[in-house]
C-alpha atoms as a PDB file:
ATOM      1  CA  MET A   1     -30.072 -19.632 -25.240  1.00  0.00           C
ATOM      2  CA  THR A   2     -30.353 -21.529 -21.981  1.00  0.00           C
ATOM      3  CA  LEU A   3     -28.884 -20.129 -18.806  1.00  0.00           C
ATOM      4  CA  ARG A   4     -27.306 -22.889 -16.778  1.00  0.00           C
ATOM      5  CA  ARG A   5     -26.372 -22.762 -13.169  1.00  0.00           C
ATOM      6  CA  GLY A   6     -22.630 -22.899 -12.877  1.00  0.00           C
ATOM      7  CA  PRO A   7     -20.510 -23.522  -9.844  1.00  0.00           C
ATOM      8  CA  TRP A   8     -21.507 -21.354  -6.904  1.00  0.00           C
ATOM      9  CA  ARG A   9     -19.339 -18.305  -6.227  1.00  0.00           C
ATOM     10  CA  ASP A  10     -19.797 -16.226  -3.117  1.00  0.00           C
ATOM     11  CA  PRO A  11     -20.903 -12.628  -3.897  1.00  0.00           C
ATOM     12  CA  GLU A  12     -17.852 -11.388  -1.956  1.00  0.00           C
ATOM     13  CA  ASP A  13     -15.444 -13.445  -4.124  1.00  0.00           C
ATOM     14  CA  GLU A  14     -12.822 -11.120  -5.656  1.00  0.00           C
ATOM     15  CA  SER A  15     -13.078 -12.937  -8.996  1.00  0.00           C
ATOM     16  CA  TRP A  16     -16.306 -10.994  -9.659  1.00  0.00           C
ATOM     17  CA  GLY A  17     -14.169  -7.870 -10.223  1.00  0.00           C
ATOM     18  CA  HIS A  18     -15.653  -5.546  -7.584  1.00  0.00           C
ATOM     19  CA  VAL A  19     -15.106  -1.823  -8.154  1.00  0.00           C
ATOM     20  CA  VAL A  20     -16.295   1.098  -6.022  1.00  0.00           C
ATOM     21  CA  VAL A  21     -16.337   4.565  -7.586  1.00  0.00           C
ATOM     22  CA  ARG A  22     -17.796   7.927  -6.620  1.00  0.00           C
ATOM     23  CA  ASP A  23     -19.803  10.114  -8.955  1.00  0.00           C
ATOM     24  CA  ALA A  24     -19.364  13.893  -9.306  1.00  0.00           C
ATOM     25  CA  ASP A  25     -21.618  14.501  -6.275  1.00  0.00           C
ATOM     26  CA  GLY A  26     -19.685  12.046  -4.110  1.00  0.00           C
ATOM     27  CA  HIS A  27     -22.239   9.236  -4.205  1.00  0.00           C
ATOM     28  CA  ARG A  28     -20.731   5.751  -3.879  1.00  0.00           C
ATOM     29  CA  VAL A  29     -21.406   3.404  -6.812  1.00  0.00           C
ATOM     30  CA  HIS A  30     -20.584  -0.306  -6.524  1.00  0.00           C
ATOM     31  CA  LEU A  31     -20.176  -2.376  -9.685  1.00  0.00           C
ATOM     32  CA  THR A  32     -18.493  -5.502 -10.981  1.00  0.00           C
ATOM     33  CA  ARG A  33     -16.522  -5.713 -14.188  1.00  0.00           C
ATOM     34  CA  GLY A  34     -15.001  -8.521 -16.205  1.00  0.00           C
ATOM     35  CA  GLY A  35     -14.269  -9.726 -19.720  1.00  0.00           C
ATOM     36  CA  THR A  36     -12.757  -8.139 -22.800  1.00  0.00           C
ATOM     37  CA  GLY A  37     -14.257  -6.580 -25.897  1.00  0.00           C
ATOM     38  CA  PRO A  38     -17.002  -4.006 -26.460  1.00  0.00           C
ATOM     39  CA  ALA A  39     -18.676  -2.754 -23.291  1.00  0.00           C
ATOM     40  CA  VAL A  40     -22.017  -4.198 -22.175  1.00  0.00           C
ATOM     41  CA  VAL A  41     -23.610  -2.383 -19.226  1.00  0.00           C
ATOM     42  CA  CYS A  42     -26.166  -4.345 -17.180  1.00  0.00           C
ATOM     43  CA  LEU A  43     -28.446  -2.091 -15.116  1.00  0.00           C
ATOM     44  CA  HIS A  44     -30.850  -3.730 -12.685  1.00  0.00           C
ATOM     45  CA  GLY A  45     -34.273  -2.516 -11.657  1.00  0.00           C
ATOM     46  CA  TRP A  46     -35.487  -1.982  -8.126  1.00  0.00           C
ATOM     47  CA  PRO A  47     -35.007  -3.965  -5.983  1.00  0.00           C
ATOM     48  CA  GLY A  48     -31.903  -5.553  -7.361  1.00  0.00           C
ATOM     49  CA  CYS A  49     -28.136  -5.446  -7.583  1.00  0.00           C
ATOM     50  CA  TRP A  50     -25.218  -6.579  -9.757  1.00  0.00           C
ATOM     51  CA  PHE A  51     -25.713 -10.155  -8.506  1.00  0.00           C
ATOM     52  CA  ASP A  52     -28.876 -10.399 -10.646  1.00  0.00           C
ATOM     53  CA  TYR A  53     -26.509 -10.893 -13.605  1.00  0.00           C
ATOM     54  CA  ARG A  54     -24.392 -13.692 -12.076  1.00  0.00           C
ATOM     55  CA  LEU A  55     -25.620 -16.270 -14.616  1.00  0.00           C
ATOM     56  CA  LEU A  56     -25.380 -13.971 -17.641  1.00  0.00           C
ATOM     57  CA  ARG A  57     -21.873 -12.627 -17.015  1.00  0.00           C
ATOM     58  CA  PRO A  58     -19.969 -15.879 -17.713  1.00  0.00           C
ATOM     59  CA  LEU A  59     -21.722 -16.126 -21.088  1.00  0.00           C
ATOM     60  CA  LEU A  60     -20.844 -12.564 -22.149  1.00  0.00           C
ATOM     61  CA  GLU A  61     -17.343 -12.153 -20.686  1.00  0.00           C
ATOM     62  CA  PRO A  62     -15.510 -14.074 -23.454  1.00  0.00           C
ATOM     63  CA  VAL A  63     -16.726 -11.530 -26.034  1.00  0.00           C
ATOM     64  CA  ALA A  64     -17.527  -8.363 -24.043  1.00  0.00           C
ATOM     65  CA  ASP A  65     -16.382  -6.114 -21.198  1.00  0.00           C
ATOM     66  CA  VAL A  66     -19.353  -6.671 -18.862  1.00  0.00           C
ATOM     67  CA  VAL A  67     -20.118  -3.956 -16.304  1.00  0.00           C
ATOM     68  CA  ALA A  68     -22.892  -4.947 -13.877  1.00  0.00           C
ATOM     69  CA  VAL A  69     -24.151  -2.064 -11.734  1.00  0.00           C
END
């Protein structure tokens, strides 16, 4: 599979599906979510963020509910 660069979308663009939740201890967790189907959770290493998966998400979203943390 070849990852191709698609049209540029600003990280702040609402179409990424930004969600902010708090865990049981009150810590803020930012994630993006999009697509339909079985869940696929993308967890980045340090240093990194959800934007590391910007090229992979469009490939998975037609067949999966992609959650990038």
